[in-house]
Amino acid sequence: MISSLKNTSVLATLLLYFSFCPSISAQNNALGVNDEFMELLIQMGPEMKPPKNIGSYVMEQALEVPIDQKLAFKYLWQSNQYLKEEEAFCNSIGFLLNKETSVAILFFYKGQADNLFYLIDVQTYNYKTGKLIDEINGVAGFKGDNAVCNMQVNSYNEIVFKTLAAGQTNEIVLNISNKGKIQR
């Protein structure tokens, strides 16, 4: 009985130690993700797994959950010198993690949620360091009922955007290398 109390006491002490010691708890992160970048990923919502198909309706629902402006300014806006932190509005569509190559692929909107037209931006990061690798701004877009968009995630290396506007269909294929470089 006494030995089980000692074990419980030691376990509770270790748990408290890891909870309040950020440098050690960061090392326990299974992916090795930079803590601040990890907070951004948590705000981006659940990780998408290929194959995945996302339509305009689901993308519009993302407008209800904004990303913290401090994180959006630092990462998604890349600390743009022409923008104030309080103007750094972003909404997440989702993200992919390629755990073999440590590359995070982020899909999001820049701007306020009450815009009339929504453009989708794509950025790739080394998620262990939180460093931007590549980005494409305005890769696809849609406008309520007048233009629809479909994002099809075939794999970590291939994402297809199909847009239908004014009876015309456009297809954009993004090929993402294992190092995170985006080719259109």
N, C-alpha and C. Protein backbone atom coordinates (compact mmCIF):
# COMPACT_ATOMS: atom_id res chain seq x y z
N MET A 1 0.82 -1.19 0.00
CA MET A 1 0.00 0.00 0.00
C MET A 1 0.86 1.25 0.00
N ILE A 2 1.91 1.25 0.82
CA ILE A 2 2.78 2.42 0.92
C ILE A 2 3.54 2.61 -0.39
N SER A 3 3.98 1.52 -1.01
CA SER A 3 4.72 1.63 -2.26
C SER A 3 3.83 2.18 -3.37
N SER A 4 2.54 1.81 -3.38
CA SER A 4 1.65 2.36 -4.40
C SER A 4 1.39 3.84 -4.18
N LEU A 5 1.33 4.29 -2.93
CA LEU A 5 1.19 5.72 -2.63
C LEU A 5 2.43 6.48 -3.06
N LYS A 6 3.61 5.89 -2.86
CA LYS A 6 4.85 6.53 -3.30
C LYS A 6 4.86 6.67 -4.82
N ASN A 7 4.45 5.61 -5.52
CA ASN A 7 4.41 5.65 -6.99
C ASN A 7 3.44 6.71 -7.48
N THR A 8 2.29 6.80 -6.83
CA THR A 8 1.30 7.81 -7.21
C THR A 8 1.84 9.21 -6.95
N SER A 9 2.52 9.38 -5.84
CA SER A 9 3.09 10.67 -5.48
C SER A 9 4.17 11.09 -6.48
N VAL A 10 5.03 10.15 -6.85
CA VAL A 10 6.09 10.43 -7.83
C VAL A 10 5.48 10.77 -9.18
N LEU A 11 4.49 10.03 -9.59
CA LEU A 11 3.81 10.28 -10.86
C LEU A 11 3.16 11.66 -10.88
N ALA A 12 2.48 12.02 -9.81
CA ALA A 12 1.84 13.34 -9.73
C ALA A 12 2.87 14.45 -9.77
N THR A 13 4.00 14.28 -9.10
CA THR A 13 5.07 15.28 -9.10
C THR A 13 5.64 15.45 -10.50
N LEU A 14 5.90 14.34 -11.18
CA LEU A 14 6.41 14.42 -12.55
C LEU A 14 5.42 15.09 -13.49
N LEU A 15 4.15 14.77 -13.33
CA LEU A 15 3.12 15.38 -14.16
C LEU A 15 3.08 16.88 -13.97
N LEU A 16 3.13 17.34 -12.75
CA LEU A 16 3.14 18.77 -12.46
C LEU A 16 4.40 19.43 -13.03
N TYR A 17 5.53 18.74 -12.91
CA TYR A 17 6.79 19.29 -13.40
C TYR A 17 6.73 19.50 -14.92
N PHE A 18 6.24 18.50 -15.65
CA PHE A 18 6.15 18.62 -17.11
C PHE A 18 5.10 19.64 -17.53
N SER A 19 4.07 19.81 -16.75
CA SER A 19 3.02 20.78 -17.08
C SER A 19 3.51 22.21 -16.96
N PHE A 20 4.33 22.48 -15.96
CA PHE A 20 4.75 23.85 -15.71
C PHE A 20 6.16 24.17 -16.20
N CYS A 21 6.81 23.26 -16.84
CA CYS A 21 8.14 23.50 -17.37
C CYS A 21 8.05 23.47 -18.90
N PRO A 22 7.86 24.62 -19.58
CA PRO A 22 7.59 24.64 -21.01
C PRO A 22 8.71 24.07 -21.87
N SER A 23 9.96 24.26 -21.49
CA SER A 23 11.03 23.77 -22.34
C SER A 23 11.03 22.24 -22.41
N ILE A 24 10.71 21.59 -21.32
CA ILE A 24 10.68 20.13 -21.32
C ILE A 24 9.41 19.62 -21.99
N SER A 25 8.28 20.29 -21.74
CA SER A 25 7.04 19.83 -22.37
C SER A 25 7.11 20.04 -23.87
N ALA A 26 7.83 21.07 -24.35
CA ALA A 26 7.99 21.28 -25.79
C ALA A 26 8.79 20.14 -26.40
N GLN A 27 9.78 19.63 -25.65
CA GLN A 27 10.56 18.52 -26.16
C GLN A 27 9.73 17.25 -26.22
N ASN A 28 8.69 17.15 -25.42
CA ASN A 28 7.83 15.98 -25.43
C ASN A 28 6.83 15.99 -26.58
N ASN A 29 6.72 17.10 -27.30
CA ASN A 29 5.83 17.20 -28.43
C ASN A 29 6.21 16.12 -29.43
N ALA A 30 5.31 15.20 -29.72
CA ALA A 30 5.62 14.05 -30.56
C ALA A 30 6.11 14.45 -31.95
N LEU A 31 5.58 15.54 -32.50
CA LEU A 31 6.00 15.97 -33.83
C LEU A 31 7.23 16.88 -33.79
N GLY A 32 7.56 17.39 -32.63
CA GLY A 32 8.68 18.32 -32.52
C GLY A 32 8.32 19.69 -33.06
N VAL A 33 7.06 20.05 -33.03
CA VAL A 33 6.59 21.31 -33.61
C VAL A 33 6.94 22.48 -32.69
N ASN A 34 7.38 23.57 -33.28
CA ASN A 34 7.60 24.83 -32.58
C ASN A 34 6.31 25.17 -31.84
N ASP A 35 6.39 25.55 -30.55
CA ASP A 35 5.20 25.76 -29.71
C ASP A 35 4.23 26.79 -30.29
N GLU A 36 4.75 27.91 -30.75
CA GLU A 36 3.88 28.96 -31.28
C GLU A 36 3.22 28.50 -32.59
N PHE A 37 3.97 27.81 -33.42
CA PHE A 37 3.41 27.29 -34.67
C PHE A 37 2.37 26.21 -34.36
N MET A 38 2.60 25.44 -33.30
CA MET A 38 1.62 24.43 -32.88
C MET A 38 0.30 25.08 -32.50
N GLU A 39 0.37 26.24 -31.84
CA GLU A 39 -0.86 26.98 -31.50
C GLU A 39 -1.60 27.39 -32.77
N LEU A 40 -0.86 27.81 -33.80
CA LEU A 40 -1.49 28.16 -35.08
C LEU A 40 -2.18 26.94 -35.68
N LEU A 41 -1.52 25.79 -35.66
CA LEU A 41 -2.13 24.57 -36.21
C LEU A 41 -3.40 24.19 -35.45
N ILE A 42 -3.39 24.36 -34.13
CA ILE A 42 -4.58 24.05 -33.33
C ILE A 42 -5.73 24.96 -33.75
N GLN A 43 -5.43 26.24 -33.98
CA GLN A 43 -6.47 27.17 -34.42
C GLN A 43 -6.94 26.90 -35.84
N MET A 44 -6.09 26.27 -36.65
CA MET A 44 -6.45 25.97 -38.05
C MET A 44 -7.48 24.84 -38.12
N GLY A 45 -7.70 24.15 -37.00
CA GLY A 45 -8.71 23.09 -36.98
C GLY A 45 -8.09 21.72 -37.13
N PRO A 46 -8.92 20.70 -37.31
CA PRO A 46 -8.38 19.34 -37.41
C PRO A 46 -7.58 19.15 -38.70
N GLU A 47 -6.55 18.33 -38.59
CA GLU A 47 -5.72 18.04 -39.75
C GLU A 47 -6.54 17.29 -40.80
N MET A 48 -6.36 17.67 -42.06
CA MET A 48 -7.00 16.96 -43.17
C MET A 48 -6.11 15.78 -43.56
N LYS A 49 -6.71 14.69 -43.93
CA LYS A 49 -5.96 13.52 -44.40
C LYS A 49 -6.37 13.24 -45.84
N PRO A 50 -5.40 13.07 -46.74
CA PRO A 50 -5.76 12.74 -48.12
C PRO A 50 -6.30 11.31 -48.20
N PRO A 51 -7.19 11.01 -49.12
CA PRO A 51 -7.87 11.93 -50.02
C PRO A 51 -8.97 12.70 -49.30
N LYS A 52 -9.16 13.94 -49.68
CA LYS A 52 -10.16 14.81 -49.03
C LYS A 52 -10.74 15.72 -50.10
N ASN A 53 -12.04 15.95 -50.01
CA ASN A 53 -12.73 16.82 -50.96
C ASN A 53 -13.50 17.86 -50.16
N ILE A 54 -13.24 19.15 -50.41
CA ILE A 54 -13.88 20.22 -49.67
C ILE A 54 -14.54 21.19 -50.66
N GLY A 55 -15.81 21.42 -50.46
CA GLY A 55 -16.55 22.33 -51.34
C GLY A 55 -16.73 23.71 -50.75
N SER A 56 -17.33 24.61 -51.52
CA SER A 56 -17.52 26.01 -51.12
C SER A 56 -18.31 26.15 -49.83
N TYR A 57 -19.34 25.31 -49.66
CA TYR A 57 -20.17 25.42 -48.46
C TYR A 57 -19.34 25.19 -47.20
N VAL A 58 -18.51 24.16 -47.21
CA VAL A 58 -17.65 23.86 -46.06
C VAL A 58 -16.63 24.99 -45.88
N MET A 59 -16.09 25.50 -46.99
CA MET A 59 -15.12 26.59 -46.90
C MET A 59 -15.75 27.85 -46.30
N GLU A 60 -17.00 28.11 -46.64
CA GLU A 60 -17.68 29.27 -46.08
C GLU A 60 -17.90 29.12 -44.57
N GLN A 61 -18.10 27.89 -44.11
CA GLN A 61 -18.28 27.67 -42.67
C GLN A 61 -17.03 28.06 -41.89
N ALA A 62 -15.87 27.99 -42.55
CA ALA A 62 -14.60 28.35 -41.90
C ALA A 62 -14.55 29.84 -41.57
N LEU A 63 -15.37 30.63 -42.22
CA LEU A 63 -15.37 32.08 -41.98
C LEU A 63 -15.88 32.43 -40.59
N GLU A 64 -16.49 31.47 -39.93
CA GLU A 64 -17.03 31.71 -38.59
C GLU A 64 -15.96 31.59 -37.50
N VAL A 65 -14.78 31.06 -37.83
CA VAL A 65 -13.74 30.84 -36.83
C VAL A 65 -12.45 31.55 -37.26
N PRO A 66 -12.25 32.78 -36.78
CA PRO A 66 -11.03 33.50 -37.16
C PRO A 66 -9.80 32.98 -36.42
N ILE A 67 -8.65 33.18 -37.02
CA ILE A 67 -7.37 32.82 -36.41
C ILE A 67 -6.89 34.01 -35.59
N ASP A 68 -6.28 33.76 -34.44
CA ASP A 68 -5.73 34.81 -33.59
C ASP A 68 -4.88 35.77 -34.43
N GLN A 69 -5.14 37.08 -34.29
CA GLN A 69 -4.48 38.06 -35.14
C GLN A 69 -2.96 38.12 -34.94
N LYS A 70 -2.50 37.85 -33.74
CA LYS A 70 -1.05 37.86 -33.49
C LYS A 70 -0.38 36.75 -34.30
N LEU A 71 -0.94 35.54 -34.26
CA LEU A 71 -0.38 34.42 -35.01
C LEU A 71 -0.56 34.62 -36.52
N ALA A 72 -1.72 35.14 -36.93
CA ALA A 72 -1.96 35.40 -38.35
C ALA A 72 -0.97 36.42 -38.88
N PHE A 73 -0.71 37.48 -38.11
CA PHE A 73 0.23 38.51 -38.53
C PHE A 73 1.64 37.94 -38.67
N LYS A 74 2.07 37.17 -37.68
CA LYS A 74 3.44 36.64 -37.68
C LYS A 74 3.66 35.61 -38.79
N TYR A 75 2.74 34.66 -38.93
CA TYR A 75 2.95 33.58 -39.88
C TYR A 75 2.27 33.80 -41.23
N LEU A 76 0.96 33.93 -41.24
CA LEU A 76 0.22 33.96 -42.50
C LEU A 76 0.43 35.26 -43.28
N TRP A 77 0.60 36.37 -42.58
CA TRP A 77 0.89 37.65 -43.23
C TRP A 77 2.39 37.91 -43.27
N GLN A 78 3.20 37.06 -42.66
CA GLN A 78 4.66 37.19 -42.63
C GLN A 78 5.12 38.56 -42.14
N SER A 79 4.46 39.06 -41.08
CA SER A 79 4.79 40.36 -40.46
C SER A 79 4.89 41.47 -41.49
N ASN A 80 3.91 41.53 -42.38
CA ASN A 80 3.85 42.51 -43.47
C ASN A 80 4.00 43.94 -42.93
N GLN A 81 4.98 44.66 -43.45
CA GLN A 81 5.28 46.00 -42.94
C GLN A 81 4.17 47.01 -43.25
N TYR A 82 3.28 46.71 -44.19
CA TYR A 82 2.21 47.63 -44.57
C TYR A 82 0.91 47.34 -43.84
N LEU A 83 0.96 46.47 -42.87
CA LEU A 83 -0.23 46.03 -42.16
C LEU A 83 0.00 46.10 -40.66
N LYS A 84 -0.99 46.54 -39.94
CA LYS A 84 -0.91 46.51 -38.48
C LYS A 84 -1.41 45.15 -38.00
N GLU A 85 -0.89 44.72 -36.86
CA GLU A 85 -1.28 43.42 -36.32
C GLU A 85 -2.79 43.30 -36.14
N GLU A 86 -3.43 44.37 -35.70
CA GLU A 86 -4.88 44.32 -35.48
C GLU A 86 -5.69 44.28 -36.79
N GLU A 87 -5.01 44.43 -37.93
CA GLU A 87 -5.68 44.34 -39.23
C GLU A 87 -5.44 42.98 -39.90
N ALA A 88 -4.72 42.10 -39.24
CA ALA A 88 -4.32 40.81 -39.82
C ALA A 88 -5.42 39.78 -39.64
N PHE A 89 -6.47 39.89 -40.44
CA PHE A 89 -7.59 38.95 -40.36
C PHE A 89 -7.31 37.74 -41.25
N CYS A 90 -7.54 36.55 -40.71
CA CYS A 90 -7.40 35.30 -41.46
C CYS A 90 -8.40 34.27 -40.94
N ASN A 91 -8.85 33.42 -41.85
CA ASN A 91 -9.73 32.31 -41.49
C ASN A 91 -9.18 31.04 -42.12
N SER A 92 -9.20 29.97 -41.37
CA SER A 92 -8.63 28.70 -41.82
C SER A 92 -9.60 27.89 -42.66
N ILE A 93 -9.05 27.22 -43.66
CA ILE A 93 -9.79 26.18 -44.38
C ILE A 93 -9.32 24.82 -43.85
N GLY A 94 -8.02 24.72 -43.61
CA GLY A 94 -7.47 23.49 -43.06
C GLY A 94 -5.98 23.38 -43.32
N PHE A 95 -5.41 22.26 -42.91
CA PHE A 95 -3.99 22.04 -43.12
C PHE A 95 -3.69 20.56 -43.25
N LEU A 96 -2.54 20.28 -43.87
CA LEU A 96 -2.02 18.92 -44.00
C LEU A 96 -0.63 18.89 -43.37
N LEU A 97 -0.27 17.79 -42.76
CA LEU A 97 1.08 17.60 -42.25
C LEU A 97 1.68 16.39 -42.94
N ASN A 98 2.80 16.61 -43.61
CA ASN A 98 3.55 15.49 -44.17
C ASN A 98 4.63 15.15 -43.16
N LYS A 99 4.36 14.16 -42.33
CA LYS A 99 5.25 13.84 -41.21
C LYS A 99 6.59 13.26 -41.67
N GLU A 100 6.63 12.71 -42.88
CA GLU A 100 7.89 12.16 -43.39
C GLU A 100 8.88 13.27 -43.74
N THR A 101 8.37 14.43 -44.16
CA THR A 101 9.25 15.52 -44.61
C THR A 101 9.17 16.76 -43.73
N SER A 102 8.38 16.72 -42.66
CA SER A 102 8.19 17.86 -41.74
C SER A 102 7.63 19.10 -42.43
N VAL A 103 6.77 18.90 -43.41
CA VAL A 103 6.17 20.01 -44.14
C VAL A 103 4.70 20.14 -43.77
N ALA A 104 4.30 21.36 -43.41
CA ALA A 104 2.90 21.68 -43.16
C ALA A 104 2.38 22.49 -44.34
N ILE A 105 1.20 22.14 -44.84
CA ILE A 105 0.57 22.86 -45.94
C ILE A 105 -0.69 23.50 -45.38
N LEU A 106 -0.76 24.84 -45.41
CA LEU A 106 -1.88 25.58 -44.82
C LEU A 106 -2.75 26.18 -45.91
N PHE A 107 -4.08 26.09 -45.74
CA PHE A 107 -5.06 26.67 -46.66
C PHE A 107 -5.90 27.65 -45.85
N PHE A 108 -6.01 28.90 -46.32
CA PHE A 108 -6.73 29.90 -45.53
C PHE A 108 -7.14 31.09 -46.40
N TYR A 109 -8.00 31.95 -45.81
CA TYR A 109 -8.40 33.22 -46.43
C TYR A 109 -7.70 34.34 -45.68
N LYS A 110 -7.27 35.35 -46.42
CA LYS A 110 -6.77 36.58 -45.79
C LYS A 110 -7.87 37.63 -45.95
N GLY A 111 -8.04 38.45 -44.96
CA GLY A 111 -9.05 39.50 -45.02
C GLY A 111 -10.20 39.23 -44.10
N GLN A 112 -11.11 40.19 -44.03
CA GLN A 112 -12.26 40.06 -43.14
C GLN A 112 -13.29 39.11 -43.70
N ALA A 113 -14.04 38.50 -42.79
CA ALA A 113 -15.02 37.48 -43.18
C ALA A 113 -16.22 38.05 -43.92
N ASP A 114 -16.38 39.36 -43.92
CA ASP A 114 -17.54 39.94 -44.62
C ASP A 114 -17.21 40.39 -46.04
N ASN A 115 -16.06 39.95 -46.58
CA ASN A 115 -15.72 40.26 -47.96
C ASN A 115 -16.77 39.66 -48.89
N LEU A 116 -16.86 40.22 -50.08
CA LEU A 116 -17.81 39.71 -51.05
C LEU A 116 -17.21 38.57 -51.87
N PHE A 117 -15.90 38.54 -51.96
CA PHE A 117 -15.22 37.51 -52.74
C PHE A 117 -14.09 36.94 -51.90
N TYR A 118 -13.95 35.63 -51.86
CA TYR A 118 -12.97 34.96 -51.01
C TYR A 118 -11.87 34.33 -51.85
N LEU A 119 -10.63 34.74 -51.59
CA LEU A 119 -9.48 34.16 -52.27
C LEU A 119 -8.75 33.22 -51.31
N ILE A 120 -8.34 32.09 -51.84
CA ILE A 120 -7.68 31.07 -51.03
C ILE A 120 -6.17 31.18 -51.22
N ASP A 121 -5.45 31.26 -50.11
CA ASP A 121 -4.00 31.28 -50.12
C ASP A 121 -3.47 29.94 -49.64
N VAL A 122 -2.30 29.57 -50.13
CA VAL A 122 -1.65 28.32 -49.74
C VAL A 122 -0.22 28.65 -49.33
N GLN A 123 0.20 28.15 -48.17
CA GLN A 123 1.57 28.32 -47.71
C GLN A 123 2.10 26.98 -47.22
N THR A 124 3.41 26.78 -47.42
CA THR A 124 4.06 25.60 -46.87
C THR A 124 5.12 26.04 -45.87
N TYR A 125 5.25 25.27 -44.81
CA TYR A 125 6.19 25.57 -43.72
C TYR A 125 6.95 24.31 -43.34
N ASN A 126 8.15 24.51 -42.82
CA ASN A 126 8.80 23.46 -42.06
C ASN A 126 8.19 23.58 -40.67
N TYR A 127 7.37 22.63 -40.27
CA TYR A 127 6.62 22.80 -39.03
C TYR A 127 7.48 22.65 -37.78
N LYS A 128 8.66 22.09 -37.90
CA LYS A 128 9.53 21.98 -36.73
C LYS A 128 10.16 23.32 -36.37
N THR A 129 10.43 24.14 -37.39
CA THR A 129 11.05 25.44 -37.15
C THR A 129 10.05 26.59 -37.25
N GLY A 130 8.89 26.33 -37.89
CA GLY A 130 7.91 27.40 -38.11
C GLY A 130 8.32 28.35 -39.22
N LYS A 131 9.26 27.92 -40.09
CA LYS A 131 9.76 28.78 -41.17
C LYS A 131 8.98 28.54 -42.46
N LEU A 132 8.61 29.66 -43.11
CA LEU A 132 7.91 29.60 -44.40
C LEU A 132 8.84 29.02 -45.46
N ILE A 133 8.31 28.10 -46.27
CA ILE A 133 9.07 27.54 -47.39
C ILE A 133 8.61 28.19 -48.69
N ASP A 134 7.29 28.20 -48.92
CA ASP A 134 6.75 28.73 -50.18
C ASP A 134 5.30 29.17 -49.97
N GLU A 135 4.79 29.99 -50.88
CA GLU A 135 3.39 30.41 -50.79
C GLU A 135 2.86 30.81 -52.15
N ILE A 136 1.56 30.67 -52.30
CA ILE A 136 0.84 31.19 -53.46
C ILE A 136 -0.38 31.91 -52.92
N ASN A 137 -0.51 33.18 -53.26
CA ASN A 137 -1.65 33.98 -52.82
C ASN A 137 -2.72 33.97 -53.90
N GLY A 138 -3.97 33.85 -53.50
CA GLY A 138 -5.09 33.90 -54.44
C GLY A 138 -5.08 32.77 -55.45
N VAL A 139 -4.80 31.56 -55.00
CA VAL A 139 -4.72 30.41 -55.91
C VAL A 139 -6.08 30.07 -56.50
N ALA A 140 -7.14 30.31 -55.76
CA ALA A 140 -8.51 30.05 -56.22
C ALA A 140 -9.44 30.93 -55.41
N GLY A 141 -10.69 31.01 -55.83
CA GLY A 141 -11.63 31.84 -55.09
C GLY A 141 -13.07 31.51 -55.42
N PHE A 142 -13.97 32.11 -54.65
CA PHE A 142 -15.39 31.95 -54.90
C PHE A 142 -16.15 33.11 -54.29
N LYS A 143 -17.39 33.25 -54.69
CA LYS A 143 -18.24 34.34 -54.21
C LYS A 143 -19.65 33.80 -54.00
N GLY A 144 -19.93 33.43 -52.76
CA GLY A 144 -21.29 32.99 -52.41
C GLY A 144 -21.90 32.06 -53.42
N ASP A 145 -23.07 32.44 -53.95
CA ASP A 145 -23.79 31.61 -54.91
C ASP A 145 -23.33 31.83 -56.35
N ASN A 146 -22.60 32.91 -56.61
CA ASN A 146 -22.23 33.25 -57.98
C ASN A 146 -21.00 32.50 -58.50
N ALA A 147 -20.16 32.04 -57.63
CA ALA A 147 -18.98 31.27 -58.02
C ALA A 147 -18.71 30.25 -56.94
N VAL A 148 -18.47 29.02 -57.35
CA VAL A 148 -18.20 27.95 -56.39
C VAL A 148 -16.80 27.40 -56.60
N CYS A 149 -16.26 26.81 -55.55
CA CYS A 149 -14.91 26.27 -55.61
C CYS A 149 -14.90 24.92 -54.91
N ASN A 150 -14.09 24.03 -55.43
CA ASN A 150 -13.92 22.72 -54.84
C ASN A 150 -12.43 22.46 -54.69
N MET A 151 -12.01 22.05 -53.50
CA MET A 151 -10.61 21.71 -53.27
C MET A 151 -10.52 20.20 -53.08
N GLN A 152 -9.72 19.57 -53.90
CA GLN A 152 -9.57 18.12 -53.85
C GLN A 152 -8.12 17.81 -53.47
N VAL A 153 -7.92 17.23 -52.31
CA VAL A 153 -6.59 16.86 -51.84
C VAL A 153 -6.37 15.40 -52.21
N ASN A 154 -5.61 15.18 -53.28
CA ASN A 154 -5.34 13.81 -53.74
C ASN A 154 -4.26 13.14 -52.91
N SER A 155 -3.23 13.92 -52.56
CA SER A 155 -2.12 13.43 -51.74
C SER A 155 -1.43 14.65 -51.15
N TYR A 156 -0.38 14.43 -50.38
CA TYR A 156 0.38 15.56 -49.84
C TYR A 156 1.07 16.33 -50.96
N ASN A 157 1.25 15.68 -52.09
CA ASN A 157 1.97 16.30 -53.19
C ASN A 157 1.07 16.85 -54.30
N GLU A 158 -0.25 16.61 -54.23
CA GLU A 158 -1.13 17.11 -55.29
C GLU A 158 -2.47 17.59 -54.73
N ILE A 159 -2.74 18.88 -54.96
CA ILE A 159 -4.01 19.48 -54.56
C ILE A 159 -4.61 20.14 -55.79
N VAL A 160 -5.90 19.88 -56.04
CA VAL A 160 -6.57 20.41 -57.23
C VAL A 160 -7.69 21.34 -56.78
N PHE A 161 -7.71 22.54 -57.35
CA PHE A 161 -8.79 23.50 -57.12
C PHE A 161 -9.60 23.61 -58.40
N LYS A 162 -10.91 23.43 -58.28
CA LYS A 162 -11.82 23.60 -59.42
C LYS A 162 -12.78 24.72 -59.08
N THR A 163 -12.84 25.73 -59.96
CA THR A 163 -13.72 26.87 -59.74
C THR A 163 -14.72 26.95 -60.88
N LEU A 164 -15.98 27.18 -60.52
CA LEU A 164 -17.03 27.37 -61.51
C LEU A 164 -17.61 28.76 -61.30
N ALA A 165 -17.44 29.62 -62.30
CA ALA A 165 -17.97 30.99 -62.24
C ALA A 165 -18.45 31.38 -63.63
N ALA A 166 -19.63 31.96 -63.69
CA ALA A 166 -20.22 32.43 -64.95
C ALA A 166 -20.22 31.32 -66.01
N GLY A 167 -20.52 30.10 -65.58
CA GLY A 167 -20.60 28.98 -66.52
C GLY A 167 -19.25 28.48 -67.02
N GLN A 168 -18.16 29.02 -66.51
CA GLN A 168 -16.83 28.60 -66.95
C GLN A 168 -16.10 27.88 -65.82
N THR A 169 -15.50 26.75 -66.15
CA THR A 169 -14.78 25.96 -65.16
C THR A 169 -13.28 26.16 -65.33
N ASN A 170 -12.60 26.42 -64.23
CA ASN A 170 -11.13 26.53 -64.23
C ASN A 170 -10.60 25.49 -63.26
N GLU A 171 -9.49 24.88 -63.63
CA GLU A 171 -8.86 23.89 -62.77
C GLU A 171 -7.40 24.29 -62.56
N ILE A 172 -7.00 24.33 -61.31
CA ILE A 172 -5.62 24.66 -60.96
C ILE A 172 -5.07 23.49 -60.16
N VAL A 173 -3.96 22.94 -60.63
CA VAL A 173 -3.32 21.81 -59.95
C VAL A 173 -2.04 22.33 -59.29
N LEU A 174 -1.93 22.12 -57.99
CA LEU A 174 -0.72 22.46 -57.26
C LEU A 174 0.05 21.18 -56.98
N ASN A 175 1.29 21.16 -57.41
CA ASN A 175 2.18 20.06 -57.09
C ASN A 175 3.15 20.56 -56.04
N ILE A 176 3.20 19.87 -54.91
CA ILE A 176 4.04 20.28 -53.80
C ILE A 176 5.13 19.23 -53.62
N SER A 177 6.38 19.71 -53.75
CA SER A 177 7.51 18.78 -53.62
C SER A 177 7.66 18.34 -52.16
N ASN A 178 8.45 17.32 -51.94
CA ASN A 178 8.68 16.85 -50.57
C ASN A 178 9.41 17.88 -49.74
N LYS A 179 10.08 18.85 -50.38
CA LYS A 179 10.76 19.92 -49.65
C LYS A 179 9.84 21.11 -49.42
N GLY A 180 8.57 21.04 -49.92
CA GLY A 180 7.59 22.08 -49.67
C GLY A 180 7.47 23.14 -50.74
N LYS A 181 8.18 23.01 -51.84
CA LYS A 181 8.07 23.97 -52.94
C LYS A 181 6.78 23.71 -53.71
N ILE A 182 6.07 24.81 -54.06
CA ILE A 182 4.78 24.69 -54.75
C ILE A 182 4.96 25.03 -56.22
N GLN A 183 4.47 24.15 -57.09
CA GLN A 183 4.47 24.42 -58.53
C GLN A 183 3.03 24.39 -59.01
N ARG A 184 2.71 25.33 -59.85
CA ARG A 184 1.38 25.44 -60.43
C ARG A 184 1.33 24.79 -61.76
